[in-house]
């Protein structure tokens, strides 16, 4: 879902179609510009107490992430300040071995 494109109207001679498109543009474009929606779900990422580089597939530096599922009691932390390729990877570490699913945006 990364790299969302803005809604683009198509010119029409039908005034009703133009009004509908204007409303769609008014509603959709602010949503599309919401950074959190421009992300990728990474499933079954294995983390441990040593830093793990995870390819995030955004092709840009990430803005944030959420852990959306985990199979053990563990906290997850970013070590991004030490990541040498932030446009491709996020570096994560957990307080215990855990498999997680991550929404990264």
Protein backbone atom coordinates (compact mmCIF):
# COMPACT_ATOMS: atom_id res chain seq x y z
CA UNK A 1 0.00 0.00 0.00
CA UNK A 2 3.02 2.26 0.03
CA UNK A 3 3.09 5.35 -2.20
CA UNK A 4 -0.61 6.16 -2.35
CA UNK A 5 -1.64 8.42 -5.23
CA UNK A 6 -4.07 11.32 -4.97
CA UNK A 7 -7.57 10.95 -6.38
CA UNK A 8 -7.69 12.50 -9.84
CA UNK A 9 -10.95 13.80 -11.32
CA UNK A 10 -11.90 13.03 -14.91
CA UNK A 11 -13.55 15.87 -16.82
CA UNK A 12 -17.16 15.14 -17.68
CA UNK A 13 -19.91 17.09 -19.36
CA UNK A 14 -22.35 15.59 -16.85
CA UNK A 15 -22.66 18.07 -13.97
CA UNK A 16 -23.84 15.37 -11.54
CA UNK A 17 -20.72 13.30 -12.24
CA UNK A 18 -18.54 16.38 -11.69
CA UNK A 19 -20.19 17.08 -8.33
CA UNK A 20 -19.70 13.47 -7.24
CA UNK A 21 -16.04 13.63 -8.26
CA UNK A 22 -15.54 16.87 -6.34
CA UNK A 23 -16.98 15.25 -3.22
CA UNK A 24 -14.79 12.17 -3.69
CA UNK A 25 -11.74 14.38 -4.08
CA UNK A 26 -12.71 16.36 -0.97
CA UNK A 27 -13.10 13.17 1.08
CA UNK A 28 -10.38 10.90 -0.33
CA UNK A 29 -7.36 13.18 -0.78
CA UNK A 30 -7.00 14.12 2.90
CA UNK A 31 -7.22 10.42 3.78
CA UNK A 32 -4.65 9.48 1.14
CA UNK A 33 -2.28 12.11 2.55
CA UNK A 34 -2.52 10.58 6.04
CA UNK A 35 0.96 9.17 6.63
CA UNK A 36 -0.16 6.21 8.70
CA UNK A 37 -2.13 4.75 5.76
CA UNK A 38 0.92 4.78 3.49
CA UNK A 39 2.44 1.65 4.99
CA UNK A 40 3.14 -2.05 4.76
CA UNK A 41 2.11 -4.97 6.99
CA UNK A 42 5.04 -7.25 7.78
CA UNK A 43 3.94 -10.62 9.15
CA UNK A 44 5.80 -13.19 11.25
CA UNK A 45 8.91 -11.13 11.93
CA UNK A 46 11.19 -13.04 14.31
CA UNK A 47 12.81 -10.75 16.91
CA UNK A 48 15.14 -11.42 19.82
CA UNK A 49 17.22 -9.59 22.38
CA UNK A 50 19.87 -8.86 19.75
CA UNK A 51 19.17 -6.21 17.08
CA UNK A 52 17.43 -7.52 13.96
CA UNK A 53 17.41 -5.73 10.61
CA UNK A 54 13.98 -6.00 9.00
CA UNK A 55 13.42 -5.00 5.37
CA UNK A 56 10.40 -2.71 5.47
CA UNK A 57 9.75 -2.42 1.68
CA UNK A 58 8.73 1.25 1.84
CA UNK A 59 11.59 2.50 -0.36
CA UNK A 60 11.87 5.51 1.95
CA UNK A 61 12.69 6.21 5.57
CA UNK A 62 9.84 5.03 7.79
CA UNK A 63 7.86 7.47 9.94
CA UNK A 64 6.70 5.02 12.58
CA UNK A 65 5.42 1.53 13.28
CA UNK A 66 2.91 -0.42 15.36
CA UNK A 67 3.17 -3.95 16.63
CA UNK A 68 -0.21 -5.37 15.59
CA UNK A 69 0.29 -8.95 16.80
CA UNK A 70 2.83 -10.87 18.88
CA UNK A 71 3.08 -14.42 20.17
CA UNK A 72 4.86 -13.75 23.47
CA UNK A 73 5.11 -11.18 26.24
CA UNK A 74 7.82 -8.83 24.98
CA UNK A 75 8.40 -5.16 24.35
CA UNK A 76 9.83 -4.10 21.00
CA UNK A 77 12.18 -1.15 20.51
CA UNK A 78 13.64 0.57 17.49
CA UNK A 79 17.40 0.97 17.20
CA UNK A 80 17.04 3.03 14.04
CA UNK A 81 19.73 5.54 14.95
CA UNK A 82 22.32 2.83 14.29
CA UNK A 83 20.74 1.65 10.99
CA UNK A 84 22.98 2.45 8.01
CA UNK A 85 20.27 1.93 5.34
CA UNK A 86 17.09 3.51 6.80
CA UNK A 87 15.38 3.72 3.39
CA UNK A 88 15.38 -0.08 3.25
CA UNK A 89 15.59 -1.46 6.81
CA UNK A 90 14.36 -0.86 10.33
CA UNK A 91 16.45 -2.21 13.18
CA UNK A 92 14.40 -3.72 16.02
CA UNK A 93 15.18 -5.45 19.30
CA UNK A 94 12.82 -7.09 21.79
CA UNK A 95 13.00 -7.85 25.50
CA UNK A 96 12.39 -11.57 24.79
CA UNK A 97 12.23 -13.84 21.74
CA UNK A 98 8.97 -13.08 19.89
CA UNK A 99 7.31 -13.31 16.49
CA UNK A 100 5.47 -10.12 15.57
CA UNK A 101 3.41 -8.56 12.83
CA UNK A 102 4.28 -4.90 12.25
CA UNK A 103 2.45 -2.09 10.47
CA UNK A 104 5.21 0.21 9.32
CA UNK A 105 4.54 3.55 7.69
